[in-house]
Amino acid sequence: MFWVDEQNSGSRTITSSNNDDTQEILAYFTRSYCKNKRGTEMEEKILVTGGAGYIGSHTVVQLLEAGLSVVVFDNLSNSSRAVIDRISKLTGSKSLDFIEGDIRDRTAVRHALRDQKISAVVHFAGLKAVGESETEPLKYYDNNVSGSVVLLEEMMKTDINTIVFSSSATVYGNPEYSQYHEDTPPAPANVYGRTKLIVEDILRDLKKSQPSWRIALLRYFNPVGAHDSGLIGENPKGIPNNLMPFIAQVAVGVRQKLSVYGNDYPTPDGTGLRDYIHVEDLAAGHLATLQYLKIKPTLLTLNLGTGQSYSVLDIIKAFEKASGKAIPYEVVGRREGDLAEYYADPSLAEKILGWKAQLGIDRMCADTWRWKKNNPAGYSNIK
């Protein structure tokens, strides 16, 4: 455990709407979270499990910039200690603490919650490789489901009842639909998606039995992009499972070419269409959700996406434009289980939170390229 150097943290303006709830949330947030003019300590401290990971690290930056104290709890199985140092550099915040630990370790979780006087949890920790989840299902149920149960049990013992859960659009998975609404019937097509849905159901049951709990289930689509500083970004270990980091590796010469899985889908260019969301917009969605839960003891299920889909070839062209690099690719056969198109209906998040994705595909590609160009080996070459 260590503390970063003391500096003044920055601030971020959250997109608001005209509804009364959003204005009340922002007013409460200003009173409860931010430092006053004399710089006295903030009331709240947030535990971010998996906070050294891709989405977690960007969320931690925004929480710190908003004036919150943050404790990152991460076993570094898919991340690096260097991320914490870079978050410190980006924010200059004293209000960051790091604990290396596994959410399945009950003792470690208990000490993190009690010793740090945590008031709310943002829960990212878990395994996320869809293919691996099919070959090692017990590993995924153990990490993603059992680990979440341990966390929730220890939260109950410590009287912490606010949690934002990192769910996924993979809970939908139904080929009968292309646009997913929050009430679209879930039908996850892989073990990873099923673990997310199981944890969602656990949280729903918990809310029924404990009405005072404040819970958000955030289903997000395809996170891409990086912090605009180029200091933090997506750093997959091994072969990337997602399109954008694979393209970035091709652009810097780590890989020779991209495989495009199928060009015979019923889409304009024959390749699959997906809803891509900038990780910075996603992080802002988590911050807005925490604000909302502070005044509303409710259970939210929300999509976080843009509501717009792009094809594989669209992404390749946009990345070539951003990087000035040609991206060689070859078309191969479809992957089993891949859908022709899916994208979010994000209107409920905008209605409830006043949140809406702001950053388009050009910015997503430009920020990814800046990150990868500056860090071709990710964090692996950093001690």
Protein backbone atom coordinates (compact mmCIF):
# COMPACT_ATOMS: atom_id res chain seq x y z
CA MET A 1 0.00 0.00 0.00
CA PHE A 2 1.30 3.48 -0.80
CA TRP A 3 0.18 7.08 -1.06
CA VAL A 4 0.91 9.25 -4.04
CA ASP A 5 2.43 12.73 -3.88
CA GLU A 6 0.13 15.51 -2.77
CA GLN A 7 -1.19 17.96 -5.36
CA ASN A 8 -4.48 19.69 -5.96
CA SER A 9 -6.84 17.50 -7.94
CA GLY A 10 -8.67 18.89 -10.94
CA SER A 11 -12.37 19.03 -11.68
CA ARG A 12 -14.67 17.80 -14.42
CA THR A 13 -17.96 19.14 -15.66
CA ILE A 14 -20.59 16.41 -15.93
CA THR A 15 -23.15 16.67 -18.69
CA SER A 16 -26.47 17.56 -17.10
CA SER A 17 -30.06 17.63 -18.28
CA ASN A 18 -32.93 19.90 -17.37
CA ASN A 19 -34.68 17.37 -15.15
CA ASP A 20 -34.89 18.07 -11.44
CA ASP A 21 -33.20 14.82 -10.42
CA THR A 22 -30.01 15.67 -12.28
CA GLN A 23 -29.82 19.16 -10.79
CA GLU A 24 -30.36 17.72 -7.32
CA ILE A 25 -27.64 15.15 -7.91
CA LEU A 26 -25.11 17.75 -8.99
CA ALA A 27 -25.92 19.96 -6.00
CA TYR A 28 -25.57 17.04 -3.61
CA PHE A 29 -22.31 16.01 -5.24
CA THR A 30 -20.88 19.49 -4.78
CA ARG A 31 -21.84 19.52 -1.09
CA SER A 32 -20.79 15.97 -0.24
CA TYR A 33 -17.79 15.11 -2.38
CA CYS A 34 -15.74 18.10 -3.34
CA LYS A 35 -13.24 19.92 -1.16
CA ASN A 36 -14.30 23.25 0.22
CA LYS A 37 -12.32 26.43 -0.31
CA ARG A 38 -10.14 25.70 2.73
CA GLY A 39 -9.21 22.33 1.25
CA THR A 40 -10.60 20.19 4.06
CA GLU A 41 -10.83 16.44 3.61
CA MET A 42 -13.63 14.92 1.54
CA GLU A 43 -16.36 12.86 3.20
CA GLU A 44 -16.37 9.87 0.87
CA LYS A 45 -13.86 7.21 -0.17
CA ILE A 46 -14.56 4.87 -3.08
CA LEU A 47 -13.16 1.34 -3.42
CA VAL A 48 -12.53 0.49 -7.08
CA THR A 49 -11.97 -3.23 -7.58
CA GLY A 50 -9.99 -3.90 -10.74
CA GLY A 51 -9.04 -0.24 -10.70
CA ALA A 52 -5.69 -0.84 -12.40
CA GLY A 53 -7.40 -2.35 -15.43
CA TYR A 54 -8.43 -0.64 -18.64
CA ILE A 55 -11.85 0.77 -17.77
CA GLY A 56 -11.10 0.89 -14.06
CA SER A 57 -8.02 3.08 -14.44
CA HIS A 58 -9.83 5.66 -16.57
CA THR A 59 -12.68 5.72 -14.07
CA VAL A 60 -10.24 6.21 -11.19
CA VAL A 61 -8.77 9.24 -12.96
CA GLN A 62 -12.19 10.84 -13.31
CA LEU A 63 -13.16 10.07 -9.71
CA LEU A 64 -9.96 11.71 -8.48
CA GLU A 65 -10.40 14.70 -10.77
CA ALA A 66 -13.91 15.12 -9.36
CA GLY A 67 -12.46 15.43 -5.86
CA LEU A 68 -13.09 11.92 -4.53
CA SER A 69 -10.73 9.75 -2.50
CA VAL A 70 -10.10 6.40 -4.18
CA VAL A 71 -8.71 3.05 -3.07
CA VAL A 72 -7.73 0.76 -5.95
CA PHE A 73 -7.99 -2.95 -5.11
CA ASP A 74 -6.45 -5.12 -7.84
CA ASN A 75 -4.54 -8.40 -8.04
CA LEU A 76 -2.66 -7.16 -11.15
CA SER A 77 -3.43 -10.41 -13.01
CA ASN A 78 -4.38 -8.42 -16.10
CA SER A 79 -2.82 -5.06 -15.30
CA SER A 80 0.34 -3.40 -14.00
CA ARG A 81 1.47 -1.49 -10.93
CA ALA A 82 2.76 1.14 -13.37
CA VAL A 83 -0.85 2.15 -14.00
CA ILE A 84 -1.11 3.48 -10.44
CA ASP A 85 2.01 5.58 -10.91
CA ARG A 86 0.61 7.02 -14.13
CA ILE A 87 -2.74 7.81 -12.53
CA SER A 88 -0.79 9.65 -9.84
CA LYS A 89 1.11 11.59 -12.51
CA LEU A 90 -2.08 12.47 -14.38
CA THR A 91 -4.07 13.66 -11.39
CA GLY A 92 -1.40 14.79 -8.92
CA SER A 93 -3.78 13.58 -6.23
CA LYS A 94 -2.92 12.59 -2.69
CA SER A 95 -6.29 10.89 -2.40
CA LEU A 96 -5.22 7.65 -4.11
CA ASP A 97 -4.37 4.44 -2.30
CA PHE A 98 -3.47 1.07 -3.82
CA ILE A 99 -3.95 -2.39 -2.34
CA GLU A 100 -2.76 -5.46 -4.21
CA GLY A 101 -5.33 -8.13 -3.48
CA ASP A 102 -7.83 -10.61 -4.90
CA ILE A 103 -11.58 -10.18 -4.35
CA ARG A 104 -11.81 -13.90 -3.52
CA ASP A 105 -9.52 -13.26 -0.54
CA ARG A 106 -12.08 -12.53 2.14
CA THR A 107 -9.56 -11.24 4.67
CA ALA A 108 -8.00 -8.82 2.19
CA VAL A 109 -11.41 -7.52 1.12
CA ARG A 110 -12.54 -7.09 4.72
CA HIS A 111 -9.45 -5.09 5.66
CA ALA A 112 -9.74 -2.92 2.55
CA LEU A 113 -13.36 -2.04 3.35
CA ARG A 114 -12.91 -1.48 7.08
CA ASP A 115 -9.44 -0.01 7.35
CA GLN A 116 -10.02 2.46 4.53
CA LYS A 117 -13.49 3.51 5.75
CA ILE A 118 -15.03 2.89 2.33
CA SER A 119 -18.45 4.39 1.58
CA ALA A 120 -19.14 2.95 -1.90
CA VAL A 121 -17.73 0.36 -4.29
CA VAL A 122 -17.23 0.41 -8.05
CA HIS A 123 -16.76 -3.24 -9.00
CA PHE A 124 -14.72 -3.95 -12.15
CA ALA A 125 -12.63 -6.91 -10.94
CA GLY A 126 -13.10 -10.08 -12.97
CA LEU A 127 -11.97 -12.06 -15.98
CA LYS A 128 -13.26 -10.95 -19.37
CA ALA A 129 -11.93 -13.07 -22.26
CA VAL A 130 -14.96 -14.58 -23.97
CA GLY A 131 -13.02 -17.39 -25.68
CA GLU A 132 -11.17 -18.38 -22.53
CA SER A 133 -14.43 -18.43 -20.59
CA GLU A 134 -15.64 -21.24 -22.86
CA THR A 135 -12.54 -23.38 -22.32
CA GLU A 136 -12.12 -22.61 -18.60
CA PRO A 137 -15.65 -22.02 -17.29
CA LEU A 138 -14.94 -22.89 -13.65
CA LYS A 139 -12.17 -20.29 -13.56
CA TYR A 140 -14.68 -17.65 -14.67
CA TYR A 141 -17.43 -18.69 -12.27
CA ASP A 142 -14.89 -18.69 -9.44
CA ASN A 143 -13.44 -15.26 -10.22
CA ASN A 144 -16.47 -13.40 -11.47
CA VAL A 145 -19.29 -14.92 -9.42
CA SER A 146 -17.68 -16.28 -6.25
CA GLY A 147 -15.44 -13.21 -5.99
CA SER A 148 -18.45 -10.91 -6.26
CA VAL A 149 -20.28 -12.83 -3.52
CA VAL A 150 -17.29 -12.47 -1.19
CA LEU A 151 -17.21 -8.74 -1.89
CA LEU A 152 -20.95 -8.33 -1.22
CA GLU A 153 -20.83 -10.36 1.98
CA GLU A 154 -18.00 -8.25 3.32
CA MET A 155 -19.79 -5.06 2.28
CA MET A 156 -22.82 -6.18 4.29
CA LYS A 157 -20.68 -6.89 7.35
CA THR A 158 -19.16 -3.41 7.06
CA ASP A 159 -22.50 -1.64 6.50
CA ILE A 160 -21.54 -0.49 2.99
CA ASN A 161 -24.59 -0.62 0.75
CA THR A 162 -23.66 1.26 -2.44
CA ILE A 163 -22.20 -0.58 -5.43
CA VAL A 164 -21.80 0.14 -9.14
CA PHE A 165 -21.34 -3.16 -10.99
CA SER A 166 -19.46 -3.47 -14.26
CA SER A 167 -21.79 -5.63 -16.34
CA SER A 168 -21.73 -6.11 -20.10
CA ALA A 169 -23.82 -6.11 -23.25
CA THR A 170 -22.90 -9.80 -23.52
CA VAL A 171 -25.81 -10.48 -21.15
CA TYR A 172 -28.10 -9.87 -24.15
CA GLY A 173 -26.61 -12.03 -26.90
CA ASN A 174 -29.93 -12.69 -28.59
CA PRO A 175 -29.65 -12.77 -32.41
CA GLU A 176 -33.33 -11.79 -32.74
CA TYR A 177 -32.45 -8.21 -31.80
CA SER A 178 -29.96 -5.70 -33.19
CA GLN A 179 -30.67 -2.81 -30.81
CA TYR A 180 -30.63 -3.70 -27.14
CA HIS A 181 -32.87 -1.96 -24.62
CA GLU A 182 -32.58 -2.60 -20.90
CA ASP A 183 -35.74 -4.72 -21.07
CA THR A 184 -34.49 -6.84 -23.98
CA PRO A 185 -34.65 -10.47 -22.76
CA PRO A 186 -31.15 -11.60 -21.72
CA ALA A 187 -29.71 -14.63 -23.49
CA PRO A 188 -25.93 -14.67 -22.99
CA ALA A 189 -24.20 -16.84 -25.57
CA ASN A 190 -21.01 -17.53 -23.60
CA VAL A 191 -19.79 -18.26 -20.09
CA TYR A 192 -18.43 -14.74 -19.60
CA GLY A 193 -21.85 -13.23 -20.34
CA ARG A 194 -23.53 -15.75 -18.06
CA THR A 195 -21.25 -14.82 -15.16
CA LYS A 196 -22.25 -11.17 -15.61
CA LEU A 197 -25.94 -12.03 -15.68
CA ILE A 198 -25.62 -14.24 -12.59
CA VAL A 199 -24.03 -11.39 -10.63
CA GLU A 200 -26.77 -9.04 -11.85
CA ASP A 201 -29.37 -11.51 -10.54
CA ILE A 202 -27.55 -11.80 -7.22
CA LEU A 203 -27.63 -8.03 -6.87
CA ARG A 204 -31.33 -7.90 -7.74
CA ASP A 205 -32.08 -10.52 -5.10
CA LEU A 206 -29.96 -8.60 -2.61
CA LYS A 207 -31.92 -5.42 -3.30
CA LYS A 208 -35.21 -7.25 -2.71
CA SER A 209 -34.02 -8.54 0.64
CA GLN A 210 -32.21 -5.33 1.63
CA PRO A 211 -34.18 -2.35 0.26
CA SER A 212 -31.68 0.18 1.62
CA TRP A 213 -29.03 -0.95 -0.88
CA ARG A 214 -28.11 1.39 -3.73
CA ILE A 215 -27.14 -0.65 -6.79
CA ALA A 216 -26.35 0.09 -10.43
CA LEU A 217 -25.86 -2.52 -13.14
CA LEU A 218 -24.04 -0.85 -16.03
CA ARG A 219 -24.17 -2.80 -19.28
CA TYR A 220 -21.62 -1.35 -21.62
CA PHE A 221 -20.86 -2.18 -25.14
CA ASN A 222 -17.42 -2.08 -26.81
CA PRO A 223 -15.00 0.17 -24.89
CA VAL A 224 -12.21 1.66 -26.99
CA GLY A 225 -9.91 4.68 -26.92
CA ALA A 226 -7.50 5.87 -24.25
CA HIS A 227 -6.81 8.87 -22.05
CA ASP A 228 -5.92 11.82 -24.26
CA SER A 229 -2.58 12.21 -22.48
CA GLY A 230 -1.41 8.90 -23.96
CA LEU A 231 -0.33 7.76 -20.48
CA ILE A 232 -2.97 5.10 -19.86
CA GLY A 233 -4.85 2.86 -22.26
CA GLU A 234 -5.82 -0.70 -23.07
CA ASN A 235 -2.99 -3.15 -22.45
CA PRO A 236 -4.13 -6.70 -23.29
CA LYS A 237 -1.83 -9.52 -22.32
CA GLY A 238 -1.19 -11.90 -25.20
CA ILE A 239 -3.32 -11.80 -28.33
CA PRO A 240 -6.02 -9.12 -28.05
CA ASN A 241 -9.61 -10.36 -27.89
CA ASN A 242 -11.03 -7.10 -29.23
CA LEU A 243 -10.78 -5.32 -32.55
CA MET A 244 -9.27 -1.93 -31.68
CA PRO A 245 -6.22 -3.11 -29.68
CA PHE A 246 -5.48 -5.66 -32.40
CA ILE A 247 -5.57 -2.95 -35.08
CA ALA A 248 -3.29 -0.81 -32.90
CA GLN A 249 -0.79 -3.66 -32.61
CA VAL A 250 -0.79 -4.04 -36.39
CA ALA A 251 -0.21 -0.30 -36.78
CA VAL A 252 2.93 -0.37 -34.59
CA GLY A 253 4.25 -3.55 -36.20
CA VAL A 254 3.65 -5.94 -33.32
CA ARG A 255 1.42 -8.03 -35.59
CA GLN A 256 1.53 -8.41 -39.36
CA LYS A 257 -2.13 -8.23 -40.24
CA LEU A 258 -5.67 -8.26 -38.93
CA SER A 259 -8.08 -11.13 -39.48
CA VAL A 260 -11.57 -9.95 -40.41
CA TYR A 261 -14.03 -12.65 -39.41
CA GLY A 262 -16.54 -12.75 -42.22
CA ASN A 263 -17.58 -10.29 -44.93
CA ASP A 264 -20.87 -11.91 -45.85
CA TYR A 265 -23.09 -10.52 -43.10
CA PRO A 266 -26.31 -8.68 -44.08
CA THR A 267 -24.67 -5.30 -43.43
CA PRO A 268 -23.68 -2.49 -45.83
CA ASP A 269 -20.09 -3.73 -46.29
CA GLY A 270 -20.60 -7.33 -45.19
CA THR A 271 -18.67 -7.03 -41.92
CA GLY A 272 -20.08 -7.04 -38.41
CA LEU A 273 -21.50 -3.85 -36.90
CA ARG A 274 -20.85 -2.92 -33.28
CA ASP A 275 -21.47 -0.03 -30.88
CA TYR A 276 -18.10 1.37 -29.79
CA ILE A 277 -17.88 3.73 -26.82
CA HIS A 278 -14.89 5.81 -25.76
CA VAL A 279 -13.52 4.68 -22.42
CA GLU A 280 -13.58 8.29 -21.20
CA ASP A 281 -17.32 8.48 -21.83
CA LEU A 282 -17.70 5.18 -20.03
CA ALA A 283 -15.76 6.48 -17.04
CA ALA A 284 -17.96 9.58 -16.93
CA GLY A 285 -20.98 7.28 -16.85
CA HIS A 286 -19.67 5.60 -13.69
CA LEU A 287 -19.12 8.95 -12.00
CA ALA A 288 -22.62 10.12 -12.92
CA THR A 289 -24.05 6.86 -11.58
CA LEU A 290 -22.31 7.26 -8.23
CA GLN A 291 -23.72 10.76 -7.97
CA TYR A 292 -27.22 9.47 -8.64
CA LEU A 293 -27.02 6.65 -6.11
CA LYS A 294 -26.00 9.09 -3.39
CA ILE A 295 -29.49 10.58 -3.35
CA LYS A 296 -31.58 7.71 -4.74
CA PRO A 297 -31.62 4.37 -2.83
CA THR A 298 -32.59 2.45 -5.94
CA LEU A 299 -31.50 -0.27 -8.34
CA LEU A 300 -30.56 0.92 -11.82
CA THR A 301 -29.99 -1.19 -14.92
CA LEU A 302 -28.53 0.98 -17.67
CA ASN A 303 -26.93 0.61 -21.08
CA LEU A 304 -23.81 2.68 -21.65
CA GLY A 305 -23.21 2.98 -25.37
CA THR A 306 -23.48 5.50 -28.18
CA GLY A 307 -26.50 4.08 -29.97
CA GLN A 308 -24.54 4.01 -33.23
CA SER A 309 -22.85 1.04 -34.87
CA TYR A 310 -19.70 0.88 -36.99
CA SER A 311 -18.46 -1.98 -39.13
CA VAL A 312 -15.06 -3.62 -38.92
CA LEU A 313 -14.06 -1.89 -42.15
CA ASP A 314 -15.29 1.46 -40.80
CA ILE A 315 -12.94 1.06 -37.83
CA ILE A 316 -10.02 0.08 -40.04
CA LYS A 317 -10.51 3.15 -42.25
CA ALA A 318 -10.89 5.49 -39.27
CA PHE A 319 -7.74 4.11 -37.67
CA GLU A 320 -5.78 4.47 -40.91
CA LYS A 321 -6.88 8.10 -41.03
CA ALA A 322 -5.88 8.72 -37.40
CA SER A 323 -2.52 6.97 -37.61
CA GLY A 324 -1.45 7.57 -41.18
CA LYS A 325 -0.67 3.84 -41.30
CA ALA A 326 -2.06 1.22 -43.64
CA ILE A 327 -3.72 -1.65 -41.78
CA PRO A 328 -3.27 -4.88 -43.76
CA TYR A 329 -6.03 -7.42 -43.24
CA GLU A 330 -7.40 -10.65 -44.62
CA VAL A 331 -10.95 -11.90 -44.59
CA VAL A 332 -11.41 -15.28 -42.94
CA GLY A 333 -14.45 -17.31 -41.96
CA ARG A 334 -17.03 -16.17 -39.46
CA ARG A 335 -16.54 -16.96 -35.79
CA GLU A 336 -19.22 -19.11 -34.24
CA GLY A 337 -21.65 -17.04 -32.22
CA ASP A 338 -20.80 -13.67 -33.77
CA LEU A 339 -23.81 -11.51 -34.57
CA ALA A 340 -24.25 -9.36 -37.67
CA GLU A 341 -25.06 -6.25 -35.65
CA TYR A 342 -25.79 -5.06 -32.15
CA TYR A 343 -25.86 -1.64 -30.56
CA ALA A 344 -27.24 0.09 -27.50
CA ASP A 345 -30.30 2.10 -26.81
CA PRO A 346 -28.63 4.53 -24.36
CA SER A 347 -31.64 6.81 -23.90
CA LEU A 348 -32.48 5.63 -20.38
CA ALA A 349 -29.04 6.61 -19.06
CA GLU A 350 -29.46 10.06 -20.56
CA LYS A 351 -32.94 10.41 -19.07
CA ILE A 352 -31.96 9.28 -15.57
CA LEU A 353 -28.36 10.44 -15.23
CA GLY A 354 -28.14 13.29 -17.70
CA TRP A 355 -25.26 11.31 -19.23
CA LYS A 356 -24.60 10.91 -22.94
CA ALA A 357 -21.54 9.70 -24.84
CA GLN A 358 -19.73 12.67 -26.37
CA LEU A 359 -16.71 11.28 -28.25
CA GLY A 360 -16.93 9.92 -31.79
CA ILE A 361 -15.06 7.29 -33.75
CA ASP A 362 -12.33 9.67 -34.97
CA ARG A 363 -11.45 10.61 -31.39
CA MET A 364 -11.58 6.96 -30.32
CA CYS A 365 -9.03 6.03 -32.98
CA ALA A 366 -6.82 9.09 -32.44
CA ASP A 367 -6.57 8.47 -28.69
CA THR A 368 -5.90 4.75 -29.20
CA TRP A 369 -3.15 5.56 -31.68
CA ARG A 370 -1.53 8.13 -29.38
CA TRP A 371 -1.48 5.60 -26.53
CA LYS A 372 -0.10 2.77 -28.66
CA LYS A 373 2.46 4.91 -30.48
CA ASN A 374 3.83 6.14 -27.15
CA ASN A 375 3.60 2.71 -25.51
CA PRO A 376 4.06 0.03 -28.20
CA ALA A 377 4.75 -2.61 -25.54
CA GLY A 378 2.05 -1.30 -23.21
CA TYR A 379 3.19 -1.30 -19.60
CA SER A 380 5.31 -4.44 -20.03
CA ASN A 381 8.58 -2.54 -20.44
CA ILE A 382 7.99 -0.50 -17.27
CA LYS A 383 9.39 -1.75 -13.99
